[in-house]
PDB file of N, CA and C in Angstrom:
ATOM      1  N   UNK A   1     -25.526   6.148  -0.501  1.00  0.00           N
ATOM      2  CA  UNK A   1     -24.604   7.243  -0.683  1.00  0.00           C
ATOM      3  C   UNK A   1     -25.089   8.387   0.213  1.00  0.00           C
ATOM      4  N   UNK A   2     -24.146   9.076   0.830  1.00  0.00           N
ATOM      5  CA  UNK A   2     -24.495  10.177   1.702  1.00  0.00           C
ATOM      6  C   UNK A   2     -23.395  11.231   1.698  1.00  0.00           C
ATOM      7  N   UNK A   3     -23.719  12.414   2.243  1.00  0.00           N
ATOM      8  CA  UNK A   3     -22.783  13.535   2.279  1.00  0.00           C
ATOM      9  C   UNK A   3     -21.993  13.519   3.584  1.00  0.00           C
ATOM     10  N   UNK A   4     -20.765  14.032   3.517  1.00  0.00           N
ATOM     11  CA  UNK A   4     -19.925  14.176   4.709  1.00  0.00           C
ATOM     12  C   UNK A   4     -18.951  15.333   4.488  1.00  0.00           C
ATOM     13  N   UNK A   5     -18.346  15.790   5.563  1.00  0.00           N
ATOM     14  CA  UNK A   5     -17.326  16.837   5.511  1.00  0.00           C
ATOM     15  C   UNK A   5     -16.032  16.240   6.063  1.00  0.00           C
ATOM     16  N   UNK A   6     -14.932  16.386   5.307  1.00  0.00           N
ATOM     17  CA  UNK A   6     -13.632  15.875   5.754  1.00  0.00           C
ATOM     18  C   UNK A   6     -13.129  16.783   6.869  1.00  0.00           C
ATOM     19  N   UNK A   7     -12.859  16.193   8.042  1.00  0.00           N
ATOM     20  CA  UNK A   7     -12.442  16.979   9.205  1.00  0.00           C
ATOM     21  C   UNK A   7     -11.027  16.668   9.671  1.00  0.00           C
ATOM     22  N   UNK A   8     -10.399  15.662   9.085  1.00  0.00           N
ATOM     23  CA  UNK A   8      -9.034  15.332   9.496  1.00  0.00           C
ATOM     24  C   UNK A   8      -8.529  14.105   8.785  1.00  0.00           C
ATOM     25  N   UNK A   9      -7.332  13.709   9.147  1.00  0.00           N
ATOM     26  CA  UNK A   9      -6.742  12.506   8.563  1.00  0.00           C
ATOM     27  C   UNK A   9      -6.384  11.518   9.658  1.00  0.00           C
ATOM     28  N   UNK A  10      -6.240  10.281   9.281  1.00  0.00           N
ATOM     29  CA  UNK A  10      -5.904   9.203  10.203  1.00  0.00           C
ATOM     30  C   UNK A  10      -4.603   8.585   9.732  1.00  0.00           C
ATOM     31  N   UNK A  11      -3.694   8.358  10.673  1.00  0.00           N
ATOM     32  CA  UNK A  11      -2.423   7.725  10.342  1.00  0.00           C
ATOM     33  C   UNK A  11      -2.419   6.327  10.953  1.00  0.00           C
ATOM     34  N   UNK A  12      -2.239   5.332  10.106  1.00  0.00           N
ATOM     35  CA  UNK A  12      -2.181   3.936  10.577  1.00  0.00           C
ATOM     36  C   UNK A  12      -0.789   3.392  10.306  1.00  0.00           C
ATOM     37  N   UNK A  13      -0.144   2.900  11.330  1.00  0.00           N
ATOM     38  CA  UNK A  13       1.204   2.358  11.158  1.00  0.00           C
ATOM     39  C   UNK A  13       1.180   1.029  10.425  1.00  0.00           C
ATOM     40  N   UNK A  14       0.094   0.295  10.567  1.00  0.00           N
ATOM     41  CA  UNK A  14      -0.043  -0.983   9.876  1.00  0.00           C
ATOM     42  C   UNK A  14      -1.438  -1.050   9.272  1.00  0.00           C
ATOM     43  N   UNK A  15      -1.526  -1.577   8.062  1.00  0.00           N
ATOM     44  CA  UNK A  15      -2.808  -1.697   7.383  1.00  0.00           C
ATOM     45  C   UNK A  15      -2.992  -3.130   6.880  1.00  0.00           C
ATOM     46  N   UNK A  16      -4.237  -3.490   6.660  1.00  0.00           N
ATOM     47  CA  UNK A  16      -4.546  -4.786   6.077  1.00  0.00           C
ATOM     48  C   UNK A  16      -4.031  -4.852   4.641  1.00  0.00           C
ATOM     49  N   UNK A  17      -3.789  -6.053   4.188  1.00  0.00           N
ATOM     50  CA  UNK A  17      -3.317  -6.252   2.817  1.00  0.00           C
ATOM     51  C   UNK A  17      -4.308  -5.625   1.834  1.00  0.00           C
ATOM     52  N   UNK A  18      -3.800  -4.892   0.857  1.00  0.00           N
ATOM     53  CA  UNK A  18      -4.643  -4.222  -0.125  1.00  0.00           C
ATOM     54  C   UNK A  18      -4.911  -2.767   0.197  1.00  0.00           C
ATOM     55  N   UNK A  19      -4.542  -2.323   1.409  1.00  0.00           N
ATOM     56  CA  UNK A  19      -4.780  -0.937   1.790  1.00  0.00           C
ATOM     57  C   UNK A  19      -3.511  -0.099   1.821  1.00  0.00           C
ATOM     58  N   UNK A  20      -2.402  -0.662   1.384  1.00  0.00           N
ATOM     59  CA  UNK A  20      -1.155   0.111   1.337  1.00  0.00           C
ATOM     60  C   UNK A  20      -1.325   1.297   0.406  1.00  0.00           C
ATOM     61  N   UNK A  21      -1.000   2.497   0.885  1.00  0.00           N
ATOM     62  CA  UNK A  21      -1.090   3.698   0.071  1.00  0.00           C
ATOM     63  C   UNK A  21      -2.462   4.332   0.022  1.00  0.00           C
ATOM     64  N   UNK A  22      -3.469   3.733   0.642  1.00  0.00           N
ATOM     65  CA  UNK A  22      -4.814   4.300   0.654  1.00  0.00           C
ATOM     66  C   UNK A  22      -4.909   5.273   1.826  1.00  0.00           C
ATOM     67  N   UNK A  23      -5.276   6.526   1.534  1.00  0.00           N
ATOM     68  CA  UNK A  23      -5.434   7.530   2.597  1.00  0.00           C
ATOM     69  C   UNK A  23      -6.694   7.267   3.388  1.00  0.00           C
ATOM     70  N   UNK A  24      -6.598   7.424   4.697  1.00  0.00           N
ATOM     71  CA  UNK A  24      -7.745   7.285   5.580  1.00  0.00           C
ATOM     72  C   UNK A  24      -8.062   8.668   6.126  1.00  0.00           C
ATOM     73  N   UNK A  25      -9.310   9.099   5.969  1.00  0.00           N
ATOM     74  CA  UNK A  25      -9.715  10.438   6.394  1.00  0.00           C
ATOM     75  C   UNK A  25     -10.828  10.359   7.414  1.00  0.00           C
ATOM     76  N   UNK A  26     -10.836  11.328   8.323  1.00  0.00           N
ATOM     77  CA  UNK A  26     -11.866  11.445   9.340  1.00  0.00           C
ATOM     78  C   UNK A  26     -12.960  12.327   8.757  1.00  0.00           C
ATOM     79  N   UNK A  27     -14.213  11.887   8.811  1.00  0.00           N
ATOM     80  CA  UNK A  27     -15.287  12.669   8.224  1.00  0.00           C
ATOM     81  C   UNK A  27     -16.525  12.705   9.105  1.00  0.00           C
ATOM     82  N   UNK A  28     -17.262  13.786   8.977  1.00  0.00           N
ATOM     83  CA  UNK A  28     -18.517  13.955   9.706  1.00  0.00           C
ATOM     84  C   UNK A  28     -19.683  13.911   8.728  1.00  0.00           C
ATOM     85  N   UNK A  29     -20.554  12.887   8.816  1.00  0.00           N
ATOM     86  CA  UNK A  29     -21.727  12.852   7.945  1.00  0.00           C
ATOM     87  C   UNK A  29     -22.591  14.109   8.145  1.00  0.00           C
ATOM     88  N   UNK A  30     -23.210  14.587   7.050  1.00  0.00           N
ATOM     89  CA  UNK A  30     -24.037  15.791   7.077  1.00  0.00           C
ATOM     90  C   UNK A  30     -25.343  15.564   6.335  1.00  0.00           C
ATOM     91  N   UNK A  31     -26.341  16.373   6.687  1.00  0.00           N
ATOM     92  CA  UNK A  31     -27.572  16.364   5.901  1.00  0.00           C
ATOM     93  C   UNK A  31     -27.400  17.313   4.707  1.00  0.00           C
ATOM     94  N   UNK A  32     -28.433  17.487   3.906  1.00  0.00           N
ATOM     95  CA  UNK A  32     -28.317  18.303   2.698  1.00  0.00           C
ATOM     96  C   UNK A  32     -28.063  19.771   2.983  1.00  0.00           C
ATOM     97  N   UNK A  33     -28.334  20.223   4.188  1.00  0.00           N
ATOM     98  CA  UNK A  33     -28.109  21.616   4.560  1.00  0.00           C
ATOM     99  C   UNK A  33     -26.777  21.825   5.288  1.00  0.00           C
ATOM    100  N   UNK A  34     -25.987  20.768   5.425  1.00  0.00           N
ATOM    101  CA  UNK A  34     -24.676  20.874   6.048  1.00  0.00           C
ATOM    102  C   UNK A  34     -24.667  20.671   7.543  1.00  0.00           C
ATOM    103  N   UNK A  35     -25.788  20.257   8.116  1.00  0.00           N
ATOM    104  CA  UNK A  35     -25.872  20.011   9.556  1.00  0.00           C
ATOM    105  C   UNK A  35     -25.314  18.617   9.874  1.00  0.00           C
ATOM    106  N   UNK A  36     -24.432  18.509  10.878  1.00  0.00           N
ATOM    107  CA  UNK A  36     -23.870  17.197  11.242  1.00  0.00           C
ATOM    108  C   UNK A  36     -24.958  16.204  11.630  1.00  0.00           C
ATOM    109  N   UNK A  37     -24.775  14.969  11.176  1.00  0.00           N
ATOM    110  CA  UNK A  37     -25.709  13.885  11.457  1.00  0.00           C
ATOM    111  C   UNK A  37     -24.910  12.677  11.904  1.00  0.00           C
ATOM    112  N   UNK A  38     -25.257  12.086  13.026  1.00  0.00           N
ATOM    113  CA  UNK A  38     -24.571  10.875  13.471  1.00  0.00           C
ATOM    114  C   UNK A  38     -23.170  11.139  13.967  1.00  0.00           C
ATOM    115  N   UNK A  39     -22.402  10.060  14.031  1.00  0.00           N
ATOM    116  CA  UNK A  39     -21.053  10.100  14.582  1.00  0.00           C
ATOM    117  C   UNK A  39     -20.000  10.258  13.473  1.00  0.00           C
ATOM    118  N   UNK A  40     -18.879  10.935  13.771  1.00  0.00           N
ATOM    119  CA  UNK A  40     -17.785  10.985  12.796  1.00  0.00           C
ATOM    120  C   UNK A  40     -17.273   9.575  12.514  1.00  0.00           C
ATOM    121  N   UNK A  41     -16.683   9.388  11.342  1.00  0.00           N
ATOM    122  CA  UNK A  41     -16.199   8.065  10.964  1.00  0.00           C
ATOM    123  C   UNK A  41     -14.946   8.163  10.099  1.00  0.00           C
ATOM    124  N   UNK A  42     -14.239   7.063  10.041  1.00  0.00           N
ATOM    125  CA  UNK A  42     -13.038   6.976   9.206  1.00  0.00           C
ATOM    126  C   UNK A  42     -13.461   6.417   7.848  1.00  0.00           C
ATOM    127  N   UNK A  43     -12.951   7.031   6.772  1.00  0.00           N
ATOM    128  CA  UNK A  43     -13.280   6.581   5.418  1.00  0.00           C
ATOM    129  C   UNK A  43     -12.017   6.458   4.585  1.00  0.00           C
ATOM    130  N   UNK A  44     -11.990   5.463   3.729  1.00  0.00           N
ATOM    131  CA  UNK A  44     -10.895   5.317   2.751  1.00  0.00           C
ATOM    132  C   UNK A  44     -11.153   6.320   1.628  1.00  0.00           C
ATOM    133  N   UNK A  45     -10.117   7.059   1.257  1.00  0.00           N
ATOM    134  CA  UNK A  45     -10.262   8.120   0.261  1.00  0.00           C
ATOM    135  C   UNK A  45      -9.924   7.607  -1.137  1.00  0.00           C
ATOM    136  N   UNK A  46     -10.945   7.469  -1.987  1.00  0.00           N
ATOM    137  CA  UNK A  46     -10.744   6.982  -3.341  1.00  0.00           C
ATOM    138  C   UNK A  46     -10.551   8.109  -4.361  1.00  0.00           C
ATOM    139  N   UNK A  47     -10.709   9.388  -3.926  1.00  0.00           N
ATOM    140  CA  UNK A  47     -10.699  10.497  -4.889  1.00  0.00           C
ATOM    141  C   UNK A  47      -9.813  11.685  -4.489  1.00  0.00           C
ATOM    142  N   UNK A  48      -8.882  11.497  -3.584  1.00  0.00           N
ATOM    143  CA  UNK A  48      -7.948  12.544  -3.162  1.00  0.00           C
ATOM    144  C   UNK A  48      -8.648  13.783  -2.619  1.00  0.00           C
ATOM    145  N   UNK A  49      -9.363  13.610  -1.536  1.00  0.00           N
ATOM    146  CA  UNK A  49     -10.109  14.697  -0.909  1.00  0.00           C
ATOM    147  C   UNK A  49      -9.198  15.564  -0.047  1.00  0.00           C
ATOM    148  N   UNK A  50      -9.681  16.767   0.259  1.00  0.00           N
ATOM    149  CA  UNK A  50      -8.925  17.736   1.054  1.00  0.00           C
ATOM    150  C   UNK A  50      -9.657  18.042   2.357  1.00  0.00           C
ATOM    151  N   UNK A  51      -8.931  18.524   3.347  1.00  0.00           N
ATOM    152  CA  UNK A  51      -9.496  18.920   4.631  1.00  0.00           C
ATOM    153  C   UNK A  51     -10.550  20.005   4.416  1.00  0.00           C
ATOM    154  N   UNK A  52     -11.711  19.859   5.030  1.00  0.00           N
ATOM    155  CA  UNK A  52     -12.793  20.822   4.924  1.00  0.00           C
ATOM    156  C   UNK A  52     -13.710  20.613   3.729  1.00  0.00           C
ATOM    157  N   UNK A  53     -13.357  19.731   2.830  1.00  0.00           N
ATOM    158  CA  UNK A  53     -14.143  19.510   1.616  1.00  0.00           C
ATOM    159  C   UNK A  53     -15.392  18.692   1.911  1.00  0.00           C
ATOM    160  N   UNK A  54     -16.473  19.017   1.186  1.00  0.00           N
ATOM    161  CA  UNK A  54     -17.698  18.235   1.262  1.00  0.00           C
ATOM    162  C   UNK A  54     -17.599  17.116   0.239  1.00  0.00           C
ATOM    163  N   UNK A  55     -17.924  15.891   0.668  1.00  0.00           N
ATOM    164  CA  UNK A  55     -17.735  14.717  -0.179  1.00  0.00           C
ATOM    165  C   UNK A  55     -18.964  13.818  -0.134  1.00  0.00           C
ATOM    166  N   UNK A  56     -19.012  12.874  -1.073  1.00  0.00           N
ATOM    167  CA  UNK A  56     -20.014  11.820  -1.040  1.00  0.00           C
ATOM    168  C   UNK A  56     -19.338  10.541  -0.608  1.00  0.00           C
ATOM    169  N   UNK A  57     -20.045   9.765   0.196  1.00  0.00           N
ATOM    170  CA  UNK A  57     -19.490   8.514   0.722  1.00  0.00           C
ATOM    171  C   UNK A  57     -20.438   7.361   0.425  1.00  0.00           C
ATOM    172  N   UNK A  58     -19.872   6.178   0.342  1.00  0.00           N
ATOM    173  CA  UNK A  58     -20.652   4.943   0.263  1.00  0.00           C
ATOM    174  C   UNK A  58     -20.167   4.049   1.389  1.00  0.00           C
ATOM    175  N   UNK A  59     -21.059   3.182   1.854  1.00  0.00           N
ATOM    176  CA  UNK A  59     -20.650   2.281   2.913  1.00  0.00           C
ATOM    177  C   UNK A  59     -21.015   0.843   2.581  1.00  0.00           C
ATOM    178  N   UNK A  60     -20.642  -0.050   3.457  1.00  0.00           N
ATOM    179  CA  UNK A  60     -20.909  -1.467   3.243  1.00  0.00           C
ATOM    180  C   UNK A  60     -20.048  -2.027   2.125  1.00  0.00           C
ATOM    181  N   UNK A  61     -20.579  -2.975   1.397  1.00  0.00           N
ATOM    182  CA  UNK A  61     -19.839  -3.638   0.322  1.00  0.00           C
ATOM    183  C   UNK A  61     -19.361  -2.641  -0.737  1.00  0.00           C
ATOM    184  N   UNK A  62     -20.190  -1.625  -1.034  1.00  0.00           N
ATOM    185  CA  UNK A  62     -19.814  -0.616  -2.025  1.00  0.00           C
ATOM    186  C   UNK A  62     -18.571   0.158  -1.599  1.00  0.00           C
ATOM    187  N   UNK A  63     -18.383   0.349  -0.298  1.00  0.00           N
ATOM    188  CA  UNK A  63     -17.195   1.012   0.200  1.00  0.00           C
ATOM    189  C   UNK A  63     -15.935   0.241  -0.156  1.00  0.00           C
ATOM    190  N   UNK A  64     -15.973  -1.061  -0.013  1.00  0.00           N
ATOM    191  CA  UNK A  64     -14.823  -1.900  -0.341  1.00  0.00           C
ATOM    192  C   UNK A  64     -14.580  -1.943  -1.848  1.00  0.00           C
ATOM    193  N   UNK A  65     -15.637  -1.891  -2.637  1.00  0.00           N
ATOM    194  CA  UNK A  65     -15.500  -1.985  -4.098  1.00  0.00           C
ATOM    195  C   UNK A  65     -15.062  -0.671  -4.736  1.00  0.00           C
ATOM    196  N   UNK A  66     -15.091   0.429  -3.993  1.00  0.00           N
ATOM    197  CA  UNK A  66     -14.749   1.746  -4.550  1.00  0.00           C
ATOM    198  C   UNK A  66     -13.248   1.931  -4.743  1.00  0.00           C
ATOM    199  N   UNK A  67     -12.441   1.104  -4.130  1.00  0.00           N
ATOM    200  CA  UNK A  67     -10.983   1.243  -4.204  1.00  0.00           C
ATOM    201  C   UNK A  67     -10.406   0.418  -5.353  1.00  0.00           C
ATOM    202  N   UNK A  68      -9.182   0.736  -5.730  1.00  0.00           N
ATOM    203  CA  UNK A  68      -8.521   0.028  -6.834  1.00  0.00           C
ATOM    204  C   UNK A  68      -8.419  -1.459  -6.543  1.00  0.00           C
ATOM    205  N   UNK A  69      -8.082  -1.810  -5.329  1.00  0.00           N
ATOM    206  CA  UNK A  69      -8.019  -3.214  -4.892  1.00  0.00           C
ATOM    207  C   UNK A  69      -9.398  -3.583  -4.354  1.00  0.00           C
ATOM    208  N   UNK A  70     -10.123  -4.466  -5.030  1.00  0.00           N
ATOM    209  CA  UNK A  70     -11.485  -4.823  -4.612  1.00  0.00           C
ATOM    210  C   UNK A  70     -11.476  -5.747  -3.392  1.00  0.00           C
ATOM    211  N   UNK A  71     -12.559  -5.691  -2.667  1.00  0.00           N
ATOM    212  CA  UNK A  71     -12.796  -6.567  -1.523  1.00  0.00           C
ATOM    213  C   UNK A  71     -11.755  -6.412  -0.422  1.00  0.00           C
ATOM    214  N   UNK A  72     -11.381  -5.180  -0.131  1.00  0.00           N
ATOM    215  CA  UNK A  72     -10.516  -4.899   1.002  1.00  0.00           C
ATOM    216  C   UNK A  72     -11.411  -4.654   2.224  1.00  0.00           C
ATOM    217  N   UNK A  73     -10.873  -4.761   3.441  1.00  0.00           N
ATOM    218  CA  UNK A  73     -11.693  -4.580   4.629  1.00  0.00           C
ATOM    219  C   UNK A  73     -11.984  -3.105   4.933  1.00  0.00           C
ATOM    220  N   UNK A  74     -12.931  -2.515   4.176  1.00  0.00           N
ATOM    221  CA  UNK A  74     -13.293  -1.108   4.313  1.00  0.00           C
ATOM    222  C   UNK A  74     -14.810  -1.024   4.470  1.00  0.00           C
ATOM    223  N   UNK A  75     -15.265  -0.242   5.439  1.00  0.00           N
ATOM    224  CA  UNK A  75     -16.693  -0.042   5.639  1.00  0.00           C
ATOM    225  C   UNK A  75     -17.216   1.208   4.949  1.00  0.00           C
ATOM    226  N   UNK A  76     -16.361   2.254   4.835  1.00  0.00           N
ATOM    227  CA  UNK A  76     -16.785   3.526   4.236  1.00  0.00           C
ATOM    228  C   UNK A  76     -15.704   4.013   3.287  1.00  0.00           C
ATOM    229  N   UNK A  77     -16.112   4.510   2.115  1.00  0.00           N
ATOM    230  CA  UNK A  77     -15.168   5.094   1.158  1.00  0.00           C
ATOM    231  C   UNK A  77     -15.714   6.413   0.632  1.00  0.00           C
ATOM    232  N   UNK A  78     -14.806   7.362   0.445  1.00  0.00           N
ATOM    233  CA  UNK A  78     -15.150   8.634  -0.177  1.00  0.00           C
ATOM    234  C   UNK A  78     -15.026   8.443  -1.684  1.00  0.00           C
ATOM    235  N   UNK A  79     -16.125   8.727  -2.415  1.00  0.00           N
ATOM    236  CA  UNK A  79     -16.144   8.448  -3.847  1.00  0.00           C
ATOM    237  C   UNK A  79     -16.397   9.669  -4.723  1.00  0.00           C
ATOM    238  N   UNK A  80     -16.597  10.850  -4.127  1.00  0.00           N
ATOM    239  CA  UNK A  80     -16.819  12.028  -4.954  1.00  0.00           C
ATOM    240  C   UNK A  80     -16.690  13.320  -4.170  1.00  0.00           C
ATOM    241  N   UNK A  81     -16.447  14.400  -4.906  1.00  0.00           N
ATOM    242  CA  UNK A  81     -16.400  15.741  -4.334  1.00  0.00           C
ATOM    243  C   UNK A  81     -17.694  16.456  -4.674  1.00  0.00           C
ATOM    244  N   UNK A  82     -18.247  17.196  -3.719  1.00  0.00           N
ATOM    245  CA  UNK A  82     -19.526  17.898  -3.916  1.00  0.00           C
ATOM    246  C   UNK A  82     -19.254  19.349  -4.286  1.00  0.00           C
ATOM    247  N   UNK A  83     -19.756  19.765  -5.440  1.00  0.00           N
ATOM    248  CA  UNK A  83     -19.629  21.152  -5.859  1.00  0.00           C
ATOM    249  C   UNK A  83     -20.750  22.020  -5.287  1.00  0.00           C
ATOM    250  N   UNK A  84     -21.922  21.430  -5.107  1.00  0.00           N
ATOM    251  CA  UNK A  84     -23.037  22.183  -4.565  1.00  0.00           C
ATOM    252  C   UNK A  84     -24.215  21.273  -4.315  1.00  0.00           C
ATOM    253  N   UNK A  85     -25.134  21.733  -3.490  1.00  0.00           N
ATOM    254  CA  UNK A  85     -26.360  20.987  -3.174  1.00  0.00           C
ATOM    255  C   UNK A  85     -27.527  21.954  -3.345  1.00  0.00           C
ATOM    256  N   UNK A  86     -28.529  21.548  -4.116  1.00  0.00           N
ATOM    257  CA  UNK A  86     -29.714  22.378  -4.334  1.00  0.00           C
ATOM    258  C   UNK A  86     -30.880  21.692  -3.631  1.00  0.00           C
ATOM    259  N   UNK A  87     -31.360  22.282  -2.543  1.00  0.00           N
ATOM    260  CA  UNK A  87     -32.466  21.728  -1.763  1.00  0.00           C
ATOM    261  C   UNK A  87     -33.731  22.477  -2.127  1.00  0.00           C
ATOM    262  N   UNK A  88     -34.736  21.767  -2.597  1.00  0.00           N
ATOM    263  CA  UNK A  88     -36.031  22.349  -2.977  1.00  0.00           C
ATOM    264  C   UNK A  88     -36.967  22.417  -1.820  1.00  0.00           C
TER     265      UNK A  88
END
């Protein structure tokens, strides 16, 4: 699980079976202080995220299992909204 910031949306004219109605969002992974880390990526939105919102993401098999339809071809899914981060 890691943090990311939603930076945009993706429009797909055709989707794989099981992904109908699933929003795809563009996100930038971040460290705990909000600094961008790595490359932006497309994520399936399981929790109705908004532009600019900080979110938690899962990838790999967990990304596919986070959606209502299990085992869909998804590498990354947004699974939570971040209210705050406390770094010690």
